[in-house]
C-alpha atoms as a PDB file:
ATOM      1  CA  UNK A   1     -17.533  16.873  10.955  1.00  0.00           C
ATOM      2  CA  UNK A   2     -18.686  20.409  12.060  1.00  0.00           C
ATOM      3  CA  UNK A   3     -17.830  23.587  10.589  1.00  0.00           C
ATOM      4  CA  UNK A   4     -15.669  24.749  13.468  1.00  0.00           C
ATOM      5  CA  UNK A   5     -13.787  21.424  13.445  1.00  0.00           C
ATOM      6  CA  UNK A   6     -13.196  21.896   9.751  1.00  0.00           C
ATOM      7  CA  UNK A   7     -11.807  25.333  10.471  1.00  0.00           C
ATOM      8  CA  UNK A   8      -9.444  24.036  13.172  1.00  0.00           C
ATOM      9  CA  UNK A   9      -8.195  21.196  10.727  1.00  0.00           C
ATOM     10  CA  UNK A  10      -7.577  23.757   7.883  1.00  0.00           C
ATOM     11  CA  UNK A  11      -5.599  25.984  10.216  1.00  0.00           C
ATOM     12  CA  UNK A  12      -3.454  23.209  11.505  1.00  0.00           C
ATOM     13  CA  UNK A  13      -2.663  22.075   7.962  1.00  0.00           C
ATOM     14  CA  UNK A  14      -1.828  25.724   7.043  1.00  0.00           C
ATOM     15  CA  UNK A  15       0.437  26.121   9.987  1.00  0.00           C
ATOM     16  CA  UNK A  16       2.218  22.713   9.164  1.00  0.00           C
ATOM     17  CA  UNK A  17       2.601  23.926   5.574  1.00  0.00           C
ATOM     18  CA  UNK A  18       4.122  27.318   6.702  1.00  0.00           C
ATOM     19  CA  UNK A  19       6.585  25.476   8.925  1.00  0.00           C
ATOM     20  CA  UNK A  20       7.507  23.167   6.407  1.00  0.00           C
ATOM     21  CA  UNK A  21       8.168  26.164   3.950  1.00  0.00           C
ATOM     22  CA  UNK A  22      10.173  27.996   6.388  1.00  0.00           C
ATOM     23  CA  UNK A  23      12.443  24.988   7.150  1.00  0.00           C
ATOM     24  CA  UNK A  24      12.894  24.650   3.290  1.00  0.00           C
ATOM     25  CA  UNK A  25      11.684  21.732   1.124  1.00  0.00           C
ATOM     26  CA  UNK A  26      14.615  19.753  -0.365  1.00  0.00           C
ATOM     27  CA  UNK A  27      13.760  21.526  -3.942  1.00  0.00           C
ATOM     28  CA  UNK A  28      14.368  24.947  -2.725  1.00  0.00           C
ATOM     29  CA  UNK A  29      18.133  24.539  -1.318  1.00  0.00           C
ATOM     30  CA  UNK A  30      19.916  25.202  -4.425  1.00  0.00           C
ATOM     31  CA  UNK A  31      23.102  23.247  -3.229  1.00  0.00           C
ATOM     32  CA  UNK A  32      21.258  19.974  -2.333  1.00  0.00           C
ATOM     33  CA  UNK A  33      20.798  17.135  -4.776  1.00  0.00           C
ATOM     34  CA  UNK A  34      16.937  16.876  -5.644  1.00  0.00           C
ATOM     35  CA  UNK A  35      15.239  14.808  -8.428  1.00  0.00           C
ATOM     36  CA  UNK A  36      12.614  16.893 -10.065  1.00  0.00           C
ATOM     37  CA  UNK A  37       8.950  15.695  -9.538  1.00  0.00           C
ATOM     38  CA  UNK A  38       7.594  15.884 -12.883  1.00  0.00           C
ATOM     39  CA  UNK A  39       5.598  12.625 -13.599  1.00  0.00           C
ATOM     40  CA  UNK A  40       8.983  10.995 -14.877  1.00  0.00           C
ATOM     41  CA  UNK A  41      10.028  13.282 -17.492  1.00  0.00           C
ATOM     42  CA  UNK A  42      13.031  14.331 -15.726  1.00  0.00           C
ATOM     43  CA  UNK A  43      14.232  10.756 -14.998  1.00  0.00           C
ATOM     44  CA  UNK A  44      13.439   9.954 -18.582  1.00  0.00           C
ATOM     45  CA  UNK A  45      15.736  12.607 -19.899  1.00  0.00           C
ATOM     46  CA  UNK A  46      18.306  11.664 -17.248  1.00  0.00           C
ATOM     47  CA  UNK A  47      18.489   8.262 -18.773  1.00  0.00           C
ATOM     48  CA  UNK A  48      18.906   9.570 -22.183  1.00  0.00           C
ATOM     49  CA  UNK A  49      21.905  11.420 -21.014  1.00  0.00           C
ATOM     50  CA  UNK A  50      23.251   8.273 -19.249  1.00  0.00           C
ATOM     51  CA  UNK A  51      22.660   6.421 -22.600  1.00  0.00           C
ATOM     52  CA  UNK A  52      24.618   9.188 -24.408  1.00  0.00           C
ATOM     53  CA  UNK A  53      27.407   8.883 -22.129  1.00  0.00           C
ATOM     54  CA  UNK A  54      27.643   5.205 -22.749  1.00  0.00           C
ATOM     55  CA  UNK A  55      27.242   5.484 -26.676  1.00  0.00           C
ATOM     56  CA  UNK A  56      30.577   6.842 -27.551  1.00  0.00           C
ATOM     57  CA  UNK A  57      33.168   9.398 -27.003  1.00  0.00           C
ATOM     58  CA  UNK A  58      32.340  13.087 -25.717  1.00  0.00           C
ATOM     59  CA  UNK A  59      34.873  15.713 -26.572  1.00  0.00           C
ATOM     60  CA  UNK A  60      32.770  18.652 -25.542  1.00  0.00           C
ATOM     61  CA  UNK A  61      29.863  18.615 -22.842  1.00  0.00           C
ATOM     62  CA  UNK A  62      27.045  21.078 -22.243  1.00  0.00           C
ATOM     63  CA  UNK A  63      25.236  21.068 -18.869  1.00  0.00           C
ATOM     64  CA  UNK A  64      22.250  23.175 -18.147  1.00  0.00           C
ATOM     65  CA  UNK A  65      18.716  23.849 -18.237  1.00  0.00           C
ATOM     66  CA  UNK A  66      16.025  24.281 -21.111  1.00  0.00           C
ATOM     67  CA  UNK A  67      18.391  27.157 -22.657  1.00  0.00           C
ATOM     68  CA  UNK A  68      21.010  24.453 -23.492  1.00  0.00           C
ATOM     69  CA  UNK A  69      18.509  21.727 -23.940  1.00  0.00           C
ATOM     70  CA  UNK A  70      16.722  23.640 -26.616  1.00  0.00           C
ATOM     71  CA  UNK A  71      20.066  23.584 -28.641  1.00  0.00           C
ATOM     72  CA  UNK A  72      18.175  20.457 -30.163  1.00  0.00           C
ATOM     73  CA  UNK A  73      15.847  22.996 -31.846  1.00  0.00           C
ATOM     74  CA  UNK A  74      18.712  24.588 -33.857  1.00  0.00           C
ATOM     75  CA  UNK A  75      20.545  21.360 -34.962  1.00  0.00           C
ATOM     76  CA  UNK A  76      22.257  23.052 -38.092  1.00  0.00           C
ATOM     77  CA  UNK A  77      24.215  25.343 -35.833  1.00  0.00           C
ATOM     78  CA  UNK A  78      25.048  22.697 -33.249  1.00  0.00           C
ATOM     79  CA  UNK A  79      26.391  20.364 -35.837  1.00  0.00           C
ATOM     80  CA  UNK A  80      28.264  23.144 -37.766  1.00  0.00           C
ATOM     81  CA  UNK A  81      30.027  24.383 -34.645  1.00  0.00           C
ATOM     82  CA  UNK A  82      30.118  21.075 -32.462  1.00  0.00           C
ATOM     83  CA  UNK A  83      30.024  17.875 -34.256  1.00  0.00           C
ATOM     84  CA  UNK A  84      33.616  18.078 -34.922  1.00  0.00           C
ATOM     85  CA  UNK A  85      34.279  17.925 -31.057  1.00  0.00           C
ATOM     86  CA  UNK A  86      31.852  14.849 -30.560  1.00  0.00           C
ATOM     87  CA  UNK A  87      29.585  17.234 -28.516  1.00  0.00           C
ATOM     88  CA  UNK A  88      26.958  16.148 -26.021  1.00  0.00           C
ATOM     89  CA  UNK A  89      23.998  18.144 -24.665  1.00  0.00           C
ATOM     90  CA  UNK A  90      23.089  17.354 -21.142  1.00  0.00           C
ATOM     91  CA  UNK A  91      20.549  20.104 -20.889  1.00  0.00           C
ATOM     92  CA  UNK A  92      17.013  19.499 -19.186  1.00  0.00           C
ATOM     93  CA  UNK A  93      14.302  21.854 -19.356  1.00  0.00           C
ATOM     94  CA  UNK A  94      13.241  23.273 -15.831  1.00  0.00           C
ATOM     95  CA  UNK A  95      16.438  22.304 -14.198  1.00  0.00           C
ATOM     96  CA  UNK A  96      17.564  24.233 -11.310  1.00  0.00           C
ATOM     97  CA  UNK A  97      21.063  23.733  -9.687  1.00  0.00           C
ATOM     98  CA  UNK A  98      19.776  21.360  -7.295  1.00  0.00           C
ATOM     99  CA  UNK A  99      18.670  18.994 -10.150  1.00  0.00           C
ATOM    100  CA  UNK A 100      21.916  19.067 -12.048  1.00  0.00           C
ATOM    101  CA  UNK A 101      23.578  18.327  -8.670  1.00  0.00           C
ATOM    102  CA  UNK A 102      21.366  15.176  -8.346  1.00  0.00           C
ATOM    103  CA  UNK A 103      22.129  14.297 -11.893  1.00  0.00           C
ATOM    104  CA  UNK A 104      25.849  14.455 -11.530  1.00  0.00           C
ATOM    105  CA  UNK A 105      25.448  12.318  -8.276  1.00  0.00           C
ATOM    106  CA  UNK A 106      23.573   9.724 -10.215  1.00  0.00           C
ATOM    107  CA  UNK A 107      26.224   9.002 -13.026  1.00  0.00           C
ATOM    108  CA  UNK A 108      25.956  11.607 -15.779  1.00  0.00           C
ATOM    109  CA  UNK A 109      29.674  12.201 -15.816  1.00  0.00           C
ATOM    110  CA  UNK A 110      30.732   8.588 -15.540  1.00  0.00           C
ATOM    111  CA  UNK A 111      32.551   6.969 -18.373  1.00  0.00           C
ATOM    112  CA  UNK A 112      33.252  10.238 -20.416  1.00  0.00           C
ATOM    113  CA  UNK A 113      36.246  12.390 -20.875  1.00  0.00           C
ATOM    114  CA  UNK A 114      35.305  15.860 -22.290  1.00  0.00           C
ATOM    115  CA  UNK A 115      38.236  18.282 -23.098  1.00  0.00           C
ATOM    116  CA  UNK A 116      35.780  21.188 -22.072  1.00  0.00           C
ATOM    117  CA  UNK A 117      32.346  21.204 -20.016  1.00  0.00           C
ATOM    118  CA  UNK A 118      30.204  24.236 -20.777  1.00  0.00           C
ATOM    119  CA  UNK A 119      28.082  25.145 -17.796  1.00  0.00           C
ATOM    120  CA  UNK A 120      25.292  27.818 -17.834  1.00  0.00           C
ATOM    121  CA  UNK A 121      22.739  27.391 -14.953  1.00  0.00           C
ATOM    122  CA  UNK A 122      20.732  29.372 -12.493  1.00  0.00           C
ATOM    123  CA  UNK A 123      17.791  31.305 -14.266  1.00  0.00           C
ATOM    124  CA  UNK A 124      15.298  28.781 -12.908  1.00  0.00           C
ATOM    125  CA  UNK A 125      16.603  29.614  -9.340  1.00  0.00           C
ATOM    126  CA  UNK A 126      16.546  33.380  -9.758  1.00  0.00           C
ATOM    127  CA  UNK A 127      13.241  34.141  -8.322  1.00  0.00           C
ATOM    128  CA  UNK A 128      13.384  32.004  -5.173  1.00  0.00           C
ATOM    129  CA  UNK A 129      17.112  32.034  -4.337  1.00  0.00           C
ATOM    130  CA  UNK A 130      19.575  34.713  -3.681  1.00  0.00           C
ATOM    131  CA  UNK A 131      22.609  35.361  -6.035  1.00  0.00           C
ATOM    132  CA  UNK A 132      25.030  34.199  -3.216  1.00  0.00           C
ATOM    133  CA  UNK A 133      23.079  30.748  -2.963  1.00  0.00           C
ATOM    134  CA  UNK A 134      22.934  30.132  -6.602  1.00  0.00           C
ATOM    135  CA  UNK A 135      26.707  30.962  -6.959  1.00  0.00           C
ATOM    136  CA  UNK A 136      27.458  28.602  -4.063  1.00  0.00           C
ATOM    137  CA  UNK A 137      25.536  25.777  -5.976  1.00  0.00           C
ATOM    138  CA  UNK A 138      27.429  26.682  -9.148  1.00  0.00           C
ATOM    139  CA  UNK A 139      30.664  26.407  -7.435  1.00  0.00           C
ATOM    140  CA  UNK A 140      29.717  23.130  -6.035  1.00  0.00           C
ATOM    141  CA  UNK A 141      28.848  21.858  -9.352  1.00  0.00           C
ATOM    142  CA  UNK A 142      32.133  23.039 -11.007  1.00  0.00           C
ATOM    143  CA  UNK A 143      33.958  21.151  -8.086  1.00  0.00           C
ATOM    144  CA  UNK A 144      31.969  18.116  -8.698  1.00  0.00           C
ATOM    145  CA  UNK A 145      32.707  18.220 -12.440  1.00  0.00           C
ATOM    146  CA  UNK A 146      36.564  18.794 -11.645  1.00  0.00           C
ATOM    147  CA  UNK A 147      36.598  15.911  -9.297  1.00  0.00           C
ATOM    148  CA  UNK A 148      34.937  13.490 -11.579  1.00  0.00           C
ATOM    149  CA  UNK A 149      36.556  14.648 -14.654  1.00  0.00           C
ATOM    150  CA  UNK A 150      40.048  16.047 -13.707  1.00  0.00           C
ATOM    151  CA  UNK A 151      41.311  16.530 -17.236  1.00  0.00           C
ATOM    152  CA  UNK A 152      38.277  18.591 -18.303  1.00  0.00           C
ATOM    153  CA  UNK A 153      38.236  22.468 -18.413  1.00  0.00           C
ATOM    154  CA  UNK A 154      35.074  24.237 -17.343  1.00  0.00           C
ATOM    155  CA  UNK A 155      33.701  27.110 -19.102  1.00  0.00           C
ATOM    156  CA  UNK A 156      31.178  28.774 -16.933  1.00  0.00           C
ATOM    157  CA  UNK A 157      28.744  31.030 -18.768  1.00  0.00           C
ATOM    158  CA  UNK A 158      27.300  34.054 -17.326  1.00  0.00           C
ATOM    159  CA  UNK A 159      23.353  33.411 -17.060  1.00  0.00           C
ATOM    160  CA  UNK A 160      21.706  35.003 -20.182  1.00  0.00           C
ATOM    161  CA  UNK A 161      19.335  37.952 -19.691  1.00  0.00           C
ATOM    162  CA  UNK A 162      15.631  37.441 -19.769  1.00  0.00           C
ATOM    163  CA  UNK A 163      12.703  39.674 -20.328  1.00  0.00           C
ATOM    164  CA  UNK A 164       9.119  39.754 -18.860  1.00  0.00           C
ATOM    165  CA  UNK A 165       7.158  36.999 -20.179  1.00  0.00           C
ATOM    166  CA  UNK A 166       3.904  34.742 -19.483  1.00  0.00           C
ATOM    167  CA  UNK A 167       4.960  31.267 -19.853  1.00  0.00           C
ATOM    168  CA  UNK A 168       1.683  30.420 -21.378  1.00  0.00           C
ATOM    169  CA  UNK A 169       1.787  33.251 -23.930  1.00  0.00           C
ATOM    170  CA  UNK A 170      -0.651  35.550 -22.343  1.00  0.00           C
ATOM    171  CA  UNK A 171      -0.325  39.365 -22.052  1.00  0.00           C
ATOM    172  CA  UNK A 172       2.655  40.684 -20.154  1.00  0.00           C
ATOM    173  CA  UNK A 173       1.283  42.349 -17.009  1.00  0.00           C
ATOM    174  CA  UNK A 174       2.903  44.875 -14.621  1.00  0.00           C
ATOM    175  CA  UNK A 175       3.451  41.907 -12.302  1.00  0.00           C
ATOM    176  CA  UNK A 176       5.470  40.017 -14.746  1.00  0.00           C
ATOM    177  CA  UNK A 177       7.597  43.192 -15.572  1.00  0.00           C
ATOM    178  CA  UNK A 178       8.286  43.423 -11.965  1.00  0.00           C
ATOM    179  CA  UNK A 179       9.068  39.818 -11.674  1.00  0.00           C
ATOM    180  CA  UNK A 180      11.588  39.969 -14.745  1.00  0.00           C
ATOM    181  CA  UNK A 181      13.324  42.865 -13.062  1.00  0.00           C
ATOM    182  CA  UNK A 182      13.778  40.822  -9.790  1.00  0.00           C
ATOM    183  CA  UNK A 183      14.990  37.953 -11.673  1.00  0.00           C
ATOM    184  CA  UNK A 184      17.604  40.161 -13.664  1.00  0.00           C
ATOM    185  CA  UNK A 185      18.852  41.958 -10.438  1.00  0.00           C
ATOM    186  CA  UNK A 186      19.610  38.445  -9.019  1.00  0.00           C
ATOM    187  CA  UNK A 187      21.178  37.343 -12.325  1.00  0.00           C
ATOM    188  CA  UNK A 188      23.428  40.291 -12.625  1.00  0.00           C
ATOM    189  CA  UNK A 189      24.596  39.847  -8.995  1.00  0.00           C
ATOM    190  CA  UNK A 190      24.964  36.072  -9.735  1.00  0.00           C
ATOM    191  CA  UNK A 191      27.054  36.725 -12.835  1.00  0.00           C
ATOM    192  CA  UNK A 192      29.403  39.047 -10.803  1.00  0.00           C
ATOM    193  CA  UNK A 193      30.004  36.219  -8.446  1.00  0.00           C
ATOM    194  CA  UNK A 194      30.498  33.615 -11.209  1.00  0.00           C
ATOM    195  CA  UNK A 195      33.086  35.594 -12.711  1.00  0.00           C
ATOM    196  CA  UNK A 196      35.283  35.110  -9.582  1.00  0.00           C
ATOM    197  CA  UNK A 197      35.608  31.394 -10.422  1.00  0.00           C
ATOM    198  CA  UNK A 198      37.797  32.166 -13.230  1.00  0.00           C
ATOM    199  CA  UNK A 199      41.436  31.041 -12.630  1.00  0.00           C
ATOM    200  CA  UNK A 200      42.559  31.658 -16.140  1.00  0.00           C
ATOM    201  CA  UNK A 201      43.461  27.873 -16.357  1.00  0.00           C
ATOM    202  CA  UNK A 202      41.107  25.062 -15.693  1.00  0.00           C
ATOM    203  CA  UNK A 203      38.020  27.146 -15.050  1.00  0.00           C
ATOM    204  CA  UNK A 204      37.155  30.163 -17.229  1.00  0.00           C
ATOM    205  CA  UNK A 205      34.268  32.692 -17.076  1.00  0.00           C
ATOM    206  CA  UNK A 206      32.453  34.036 -20.083  1.00  0.00           C
ATOM    207  CA  UNK A 207      29.641  36.517 -20.298  1.00  0.00           C
ATOM    208  CA  UNK A 208      28.071  36.994 -23.655  1.00  0.00           C
ATOM    209  CA  UNK A 209      24.975  38.703 -22.368  1.00  0.00           C
ATOM    210  CA  UNK A 210      25.456  41.999 -24.144  1.00  0.00           C
ATOM    211  CA  UNK A 211      25.303  39.933 -27.537  1.00  0.00           C
ATOM    212  CA  UNK A 212      21.672  39.174 -26.844  1.00  0.00           C
ATOM    213  CA  UNK A 213      20.634  42.850 -26.310  1.00  0.00           C
ATOM    214  CA  UNK A 214      19.572  45.468 -28.750  1.00  0.00           C
ATOM    215  CA  UNK A 215      20.632  49.050 -28.897  1.00  0.00           C
ATOM    216  CA  UNK A 216      17.814  49.873 -26.449  1.00  0.00           C
ATOM    217  CA  UNK A 217      19.221  47.349 -23.806  1.00  0.00           C
ATOM    218  CA  UNK A 218      16.219  45.041 -24.485  1.00  0.00           C
ATOM    219  CA  UNK A 219      16.159  41.488 -25.944  1.00  0.00           C
ATOM    220  CA  UNK A 220      14.876  41.513 -29.472  1.00  0.00           C
ATOM    221  CA  UNK A 221      12.216  38.990 -30.024  1.00  0.00           C
ATOM    222  CA  UNK A 222      14.047  37.828 -33.008  1.00  0.00           C
ATOM    223  CA  UNK A 223      16.807  36.729 -30.644  1.00  0.00           C
ATOM    224  CA  UNK A 224      14.692  35.205 -27.941  1.00  0.00           C
ATOM    225  CA  UNK A 225      11.070  34.910 -29.001  1.00  0.00           C
ATOM    226  CA  UNK A 226       9.854  34.319 -25.478  1.00  0.00           C
ATOM    227  CA  UNK A 227      12.224  36.548 -23.735  1.00  0.00           C
ATOM    228  CA  UNK A 228      14.045  33.660 -22.282  1.00  0.00           C
ATOM    229  CA  UNK A 229      14.869  30.998 -24.693  1.00  0.00           C
ATOM    230  CA  UNK A 230      17.002  31.810 -27.754  1.00  0.00           C
ATOM    231  CA  UNK A 231      15.398  31.125 -31.182  1.00  0.00           C
ATOM    232  CA  UNK A 232      17.715  29.883 -34.247  1.00  0.00           C
ATOM    233  CA  UNK A 233      19.118  33.418 -34.380  1.00  0.00           C
ATOM    234  CA  UNK A 234      19.982  33.343 -30.683  1.00  0.00           C
ATOM    235  CA  UNK A 235      21.772  30.273 -30.858  1.00  0.00           C
ATOM    236  CA  UNK A 236      23.770  31.565 -33.799  1.00  0.00           C
ATOM    237  CA  UNK A 237      24.665  34.715 -31.489  1.00  0.00           C
ATOM    238  CA  UNK A 238      25.630  32.049 -28.656  1.00  0.00           C
ATOM    239  CA  UNK A 239      27.938  30.091 -30.806  1.00  0.00           C
ATOM    240  CA  UNK A 240      29.642  33.052 -32.507  1.00  0.00           C
ATOM    241  CA  UNK A 241      30.186  34.766 -29.301  1.00  0.00           C
ATOM    242  CA  UNK A 242      31.661  31.720 -27.430  1.00  0.00           C
ATOM    243  CA  UNK A 243      33.656  30.143 -30.216  1.00  0.00           C
ATOM    244  CA  UNK A 244      36.927  32.231 -29.850  1.00  0.00           C
ATOM    245  CA  UNK A 245      37.056  31.157 -26.116  1.00  0.00           C
ATOM    246  CA  UNK A 246      36.113  27.628 -26.782  1.00  0.00           C
ATOM    247  CA  UNK A 247      38.610  27.389 -29.717  1.00  0.00           C
ATOM    248  CA  UNK A 248      41.257  28.556 -27.233  1.00  0.00           C
ATOM    249  CA  UNK A 249      40.255  26.004 -24.335  1.00  0.00           C
ATOM    250  CA  UNK A 250      39.842  22.844 -26.829  1.00  0.00           C
ATOM    251  CA  UNK A 251      43.604  23.278 -27.915  1.00  0.00           C
END
């Protein structure tokens, strides 16, 4: 194969790739169900959630991404606040809205009857999707929950703040600072849209973002060591800030 032929083939592949991107891969539409392609980890965790749903009563359900999933790293706080509710954690790391939609469509809400479902989702969409797109996906998810669990009340949490971070632990560069600012602009706009879902009855909205910020408006590393996921102190902040609303909804 000649060099010219190789160049032409590369150009064809590039154009095809660009066209596919423009049309939108399934994983890029936040309102369409999509199973994460991650060597089976997503499906394994989905299976764990299905097994939990079958293993016994669920009085309180948490649905979300790694921020919810990582409650498992603060079991003493989880047990102190939520064990009495027979709580279940259906958070999966890396999930975007489309992945949660897929999970719901594939049985995660079957056979359970939580009194309250806590939903916090969207930070992983915040770089590539608009606030309006993410809000529409969250509205769809709330509708799916209410359809499948008509007796549950849904507590929609505002998406938590996040700071600049290198996910591999490297130095924070100007590009990462710019990315964090872009994400936070989307998150702030998203939370304003999510607030409109509160009907005062079956769907409530709660924004506890300020509880994670220091006096300088930044996230203390003691609260979120990697500027995204709460540490134990951060989960304590979450539990304390949410409890009054949760107590009211669990009555």
